[in-house]
Protein backbone atom coordinates (compact mmCIF):
# COMPACT_ATOMS: atom_id res chain seq x y z
CA MET A 1 95.88 -59.20 87.02
CA ASN A 2 94.53 -58.01 83.66
CA LYS A 3 91.05 -57.67 85.20
CA TYR A 4 92.38 -55.38 87.93
CA LEU A 5 94.34 -53.31 85.41
CA LEU A 6 91.24 -52.93 83.23
CA LEU A 7 89.14 -51.94 86.27
CA LEU A 8 91.80 -49.39 87.32
CA LEU A 9 91.90 -47.88 83.80
CA LEU A 10 88.09 -47.63 83.72
CA CYS A 11 88.04 -45.86 87.09
CA ILE A 12 90.75 -43.41 86.03
CA SER A 13 89.11 -42.64 82.68
CA SER A 14 85.70 -42.08 84.25
CA SER A 15 87.13 -39.75 86.90
CA VAL A 16 89.02 -37.74 84.24
CA THR A 17 85.82 -37.36 82.22
CA TYR A 18 83.91 -36.27 85.30
CA ALA A 19 86.57 -33.69 86.21
CA ASN A 20 86.04 -31.85 82.90
CA GLU A 21 82.25 -31.68 83.25
CA GLU A 22 80.49 -28.89 85.13
CA ASP A 23 77.49 -29.41 87.41
CA TRP A 24 76.20 -25.93 86.56
CA TYR A 25 77.29 -22.88 84.56
CA ALA A 26 77.14 -19.12 85.10
CA TYR A 27 76.65 -16.76 82.16
CA TRP A 28 77.13 -12.97 81.93
CA ALA A 29 77.39 -10.77 78.82
CA ILE A 30 77.54 -7.15 77.68
CA GLY A 31 77.01 -5.69 74.25
CA MET A 32 75.73 -3.20 71.74
CA VAL A 33 72.00 -2.87 71.15
CA ASN A 34 69.64 -1.33 68.63
CA HIS A 35 66.14 -0.63 69.95
CA ASP A 36 62.87 -0.63 68.00
CA TYR A 37 60.06 1.12 69.85
CA PRO A 38 56.27 1.05 69.35
CA GLY A 39 54.26 3.80 67.70
CA GLY A 40 56.00 7.07 66.89
CA LEU A 41 58.54 6.70 69.70
CA ASN A 42 61.33 5.64 67.29
CA SER A 43 61.13 8.81 65.22
CA PHE A 44 60.80 11.02 68.32
CA LEU A 45 63.92 9.48 69.92
CA ASN A 46 65.90 9.63 66.66
CA ASP A 47 64.98 13.32 66.33
CA THR A 48 66.00 13.88 69.96
CA GLU A 49 69.36 12.19 69.35
CA SER A 50 70.06 14.51 66.40
CA LEU A 51 69.67 17.65 68.52
CA PRO A 52 72.92 19.48 69.37
CA GLY A 53 74.33 18.56 72.78
CA VAL A 54 72.35 15.32 73.15
CA ASP A 55 74.30 12.12 73.71
CA ARG A 56 72.71 8.68 73.32
CA THR A 57 74.06 5.50 74.91
CA GLU A 58 72.58 2.05 74.23
CA ILE A 59 73.80 -1.05 76.06
CA GLY A 60 72.64 -4.65 76.43
CA LEU A 61 73.28 -6.93 79.41
CA ASP A 62 72.74 -10.57 80.35
CA VAL A 63 73.29 -11.08 84.10
CA PHE A 64 72.63 -13.73 86.72
CA GLY A 65 72.48 -16.47 84.12
CA PHE A 66 72.62 -19.90 85.74
CA TYR A 67 72.38 -23.08 83.69
CA LYS A 68 72.39 -26.83 84.30
CA PRO A 69 73.60 -29.28 81.63
CA GLN A 70 70.84 -31.44 80.16
CA SER A 71 73.11 -33.33 77.78
CA LYS A 72 76.61 -33.13 76.32
CA ASN A 73 75.62 -30.11 74.19
CA ASN A 74 72.57 -28.62 75.92
CA LEU A 75 72.06 -26.21 78.82
CA SER A 76 68.84 -25.02 80.43
CA GLY A 77 68.35 -22.49 83.17
CA PHE A 78 67.37 -18.88 83.68
CA VAL A 79 68.85 -15.46 82.88
CA PHE A 80 68.04 -11.80 83.45
CA SER A 81 68.39 -9.89 80.15
CA GLY A 82 68.05 -6.19 79.77
CA SER A 83 68.89 -3.19 77.69
CA ALA A 84 69.19 0.51 78.38
CA ASP A 85 68.72 3.49 76.07
CA GLN A 86 69.92 6.72 77.68
CA PHE A 87 69.68 10.28 76.38
CA GLU A 88 71.70 13.01 78.11
CA SER A 89 72.02 16.72 77.56
CA ARG A 90 73.35 19.51 79.75
CA HIS A 91 70.07 19.93 81.58
CA SER A 92 68.12 16.71 81.23
CA GLU A 93 68.31 12.97 81.11
CA LEU A 94 65.93 10.26 79.90
CA GLN A 95 66.45 6.51 80.16
CA ILE A 96 64.33 3.64 78.83
CA ASN A 97 65.11 0.15 80.16
CA GLN A 98 63.75 -3.12 78.79
CA TYR A 99 63.83 -6.24 81.01
CA LEU A 100 63.30 -9.95 80.40
CA LEU A 101 63.51 -12.46 83.25
CA GLY A 102 63.09 -15.86 81.73
CA ILE A 103 63.88 -19.49 81.37
CA SER A 104 66.66 -20.05 78.87
CA GLY A 105 68.20 -22.78 76.80
CA MET A 106 71.39 -23.09 74.78
CA GLU A 107 72.24 -25.83 72.28
CA PHE A 108 75.88 -26.13 71.14
CA PHE A 109 76.85 -27.79 67.86
CA GLY A 110 80.55 -28.35 68.62
CA ARG A 111 82.28 -31.04 70.68
CA GLY A 112 80.39 -30.04 73.83
CA ILE A 113 78.98 -27.22 75.92
CA GLY A 114 80.75 -23.96 75.17
CA ASP A 115 82.34 -25.10 71.90
CA GLY A 116 81.43 -23.91 68.41
CA PHE A 117 78.18 -22.57 67.02
CA PHE A 118 75.15 -22.40 69.29
CA ILE A 119 71.54 -21.24 69.42
CA ARG A 120 69.75 -19.70 72.38
CA GLY A 121 66.11 -19.21 73.30
CA ASP A 122 64.58 -17.41 76.30
CA ALA A 123 60.98 -16.78 77.33
CA GLY A 124 59.53 -15.13 80.39
CA LEU A 125 58.33 -12.01 82.17
CA ALA A 126 58.99 -8.64 80.52
CA TRP A 127 58.59 -5.04 81.64
CA ILE A 128 59.72 -1.53 80.72
CA THR A 129 60.87 1.40 82.88
CA VAL A 130 61.22 5.03 81.85
CA SER A 131 63.06 7.47 84.12
CA ASP A 132 64.27 11.04 83.96
CA ASN A 133 66.65 13.29 85.89
CA SER A 134 63.88 14.52 88.20
CA SER A 135 63.86 11.07 89.87
CA THR A 136 60.60 10.15 88.18
CA THR A 137 60.39 6.50 87.15
CA GLU A 138 57.43 4.90 85.45
CA THR A 139 57.20 1.10 85.36
CA SER A 140 54.96 -0.77 82.96
CA ASP A 141 52.72 -3.68 83.76
CA ILE A 142 54.30 -7.12 83.49
CA GLY A 143 54.07 -8.66 80.04
CA PHE A 144 55.60 -11.55 78.11
CA GLY A 145 58.88 -11.56 76.21
CA TYR A 146 61.17 -13.84 74.28
CA LEU A 147 64.73 -13.81 72.95
CA LEU A 148 66.21 -15.79 70.06
CA GLY A 149 69.94 -15.85 69.42
CA VAL A 150 72.79 -17.45 67.49
CA GLY A 151 76.46 -17.34 68.27
CA TYR A 152 79.85 -18.90 68.50
CA ALA A 153 81.54 -20.19 71.67
CA ILE A 154 85.31 -20.36 72.14
CA PRO A 155 86.71 -22.53 74.95
CA VAL A 156 89.60 -20.74 76.67
CA SER A 157 90.12 -23.33 79.43
CA ASP A 158 88.39 -26.41 80.82
CA GLU A 159 86.18 -24.14 82.94
CA SER A 160 85.82 -20.95 80.87
CA ARG A 161 84.35 -20.09 77.49
CA ILE A 162 83.86 -16.84 75.56
CA LEU A 163 80.51 -16.49 73.78
CA ILE A 164 79.88 -14.07 70.91
CA SER A 165 76.23 -13.83 69.92
CA VAL A 166 73.59 -11.92 67.98
CA ASN A 167 70.17 -11.83 69.65
CA PHE A 168 66.72 -10.56 68.84
CA SER A 169 64.17 -9.96 71.60
CA ASP A 170 60.55 -8.89 71.64
CA LYS A 171 58.75 -7.80 74.78
CA ARG A 172 54.94 -7.60 74.59
CA VAL A 173 53.98 -5.10 77.28
CA GLU A 174 50.69 -3.18 77.62
CA ASP A 175 49.57 -4.02 74.05
CA ASN A 176 52.87 -2.78 72.58
CA SER A 177 55.91 -4.54 71.14
CA TRP A 178 59.31 -3.37 72.43
CA LYS A 179 62.08 -4.94 70.33
CA SER A 180 65.85 -4.98 70.43
CA ALA A 181 68.71 -6.53 68.49
CA THR A 182 72.01 -7.06 70.29
CA VAL A 183 75.58 -8.11 69.58
CA MET A 184 76.93 -9.58 72.82
CA LEU A 185 80.28 -10.67 74.24
CA GLY A 186 79.88 -12.99 77.21
CA GLY A 187 81.49 -15.50 79.48
CA LEU A 188 80.28 -18.98 80.39
CA TRP A 189 82.02 -20.72 83.26
């Protein structure tokens, strides 16, 4: 009888553990960004922003992030990261977008995935687009980019976590370095 009770308890405990684990995770985030452009583009854009009637909006996004657990505290997968820098005035508009489509990994230092401090690293294909209000869009050649980040994850349920992170990315495109630093608020579920 004790053998059957022990076997029953082992089956129940293993099924409870399995119910709390995820086979894969989705990740999306939005945040504030500060861009650093090559050459004299930084000073030109800062001067443009200071002109009367010019509004500047900078935003960072992580979308279509899909990850598979590799261990109790590690995820690997892919994510599409990007940022936009838009300048608007009454008569014109200019937008510069930076993109990074890469493989990604997250390592959590808490009790498991989505708990406590974590680090993140991405590497992959990078490109830049510049568009204006006359429907003209210029797209760069494909280059290489990477992202390094640190953050803190807060579990809000067995299936959902909130991630707050600070990231730095560098995209090497057409012999130039396009950098950005972001503060992101995301969800991992």
